[in-house]
Amino acid sequence: MQIGIGLPNQVRDVTASALPRWAVRAEEAGFSTLATTGRYAYPGVSDTVALAAAAGATTTIGLLSAVLLAPTWPGALLAKEIAGIDGVSGARLTLGVGVGSREDEFTVPGYDMHGRGARLESDLATYREIWSGAPVGNGPNPAVPSGTRQVPMLFGGYSARALDRMVRWGEGYIGGSLPPAMTAPSFEAAKRAWREAGRRGAPKLVVLTYFALGDPEAGRANIEDFYRLAPKDIAANAVLRTTRETIERSITEYTDLGVDEIIFVPATDDLDEVTRLADIAT
């Protein structure tokens, strides 16, 4: 079981300049991955900006968007952004993708919630083309420098379509910050879809869970605020780990479910949370 940690990029009113320091401390503490939370209509830092900051501040730790709301972006522009971040990091980025479930996230005219699934299908092909050297627009020049790789992708979501995209385009599945009993069926479904599609090996399984060790009440308030406009079944069941015992139990529970990596997502932007979590989990 690998242990990763989130960046506090979507903690309400986070101080943006704290993100590189958080990234450095997480790498020094031995975490496997730094992950971002994707949301635009909220007083945080966009995941692409946070990932770029982390890429420039670190040298070895993995980077993950968990998850980026891909259909809110023009596909070719996002493909170029992601290739650039991956290049800055030295090929340490994994693109975690979701379709989004809140109307307010779709801020660009022409990129609303309607048709977002079909738009993502088209965009996934665009990503591959851009990363292979296709131009953005009608010019003769490739969109990204030569040598850019195909950035690995993980998929989040609870629909059969999300799993279909995973087996066709991705390397694995990301489960949300819900109780293990609620996420277990999704992991089983991901493994079953992988087998039925004839993919070799097994999908990488990643799970998210919130933590707040220094100030649990502030963490709980932040989570409630973040999920204010989310679907009620998600908002009501978001799990917050606040003690050594609950952190350790979550690692045991998800190890038993066959999860490959657990990402502890911070519910506050207190930099000392990195050390508190590392003392328990790494």
Foldseek 3Di string as FASTA:
>chain_A
DAEAAEFVQQQAQDDLVCLLVLLLLLVVLPHQEYEYEAADPGRGHHRLVSLLSSLQSDAHHAYEYPAHQPLLDDLLVVLLSVLVSCVSNVNRYEHEYDNDDFQVRNDDPPRGSVCSLVSVVVSLVSSVVLQVFPPDPDDPGRSYDPPRDNHAYEYEDDDPSRLVCCLVRHQAYEAEQFPLVVCLVVLVVSQVSNVVVVHPDGGAYEYEAEEDAPDVVLLLVSLLVVCVRPPPVCSVGRHYHHDLVSLVVVVVSVVVSVHDYYYHYYSDNDSCVSVVCSVRPD
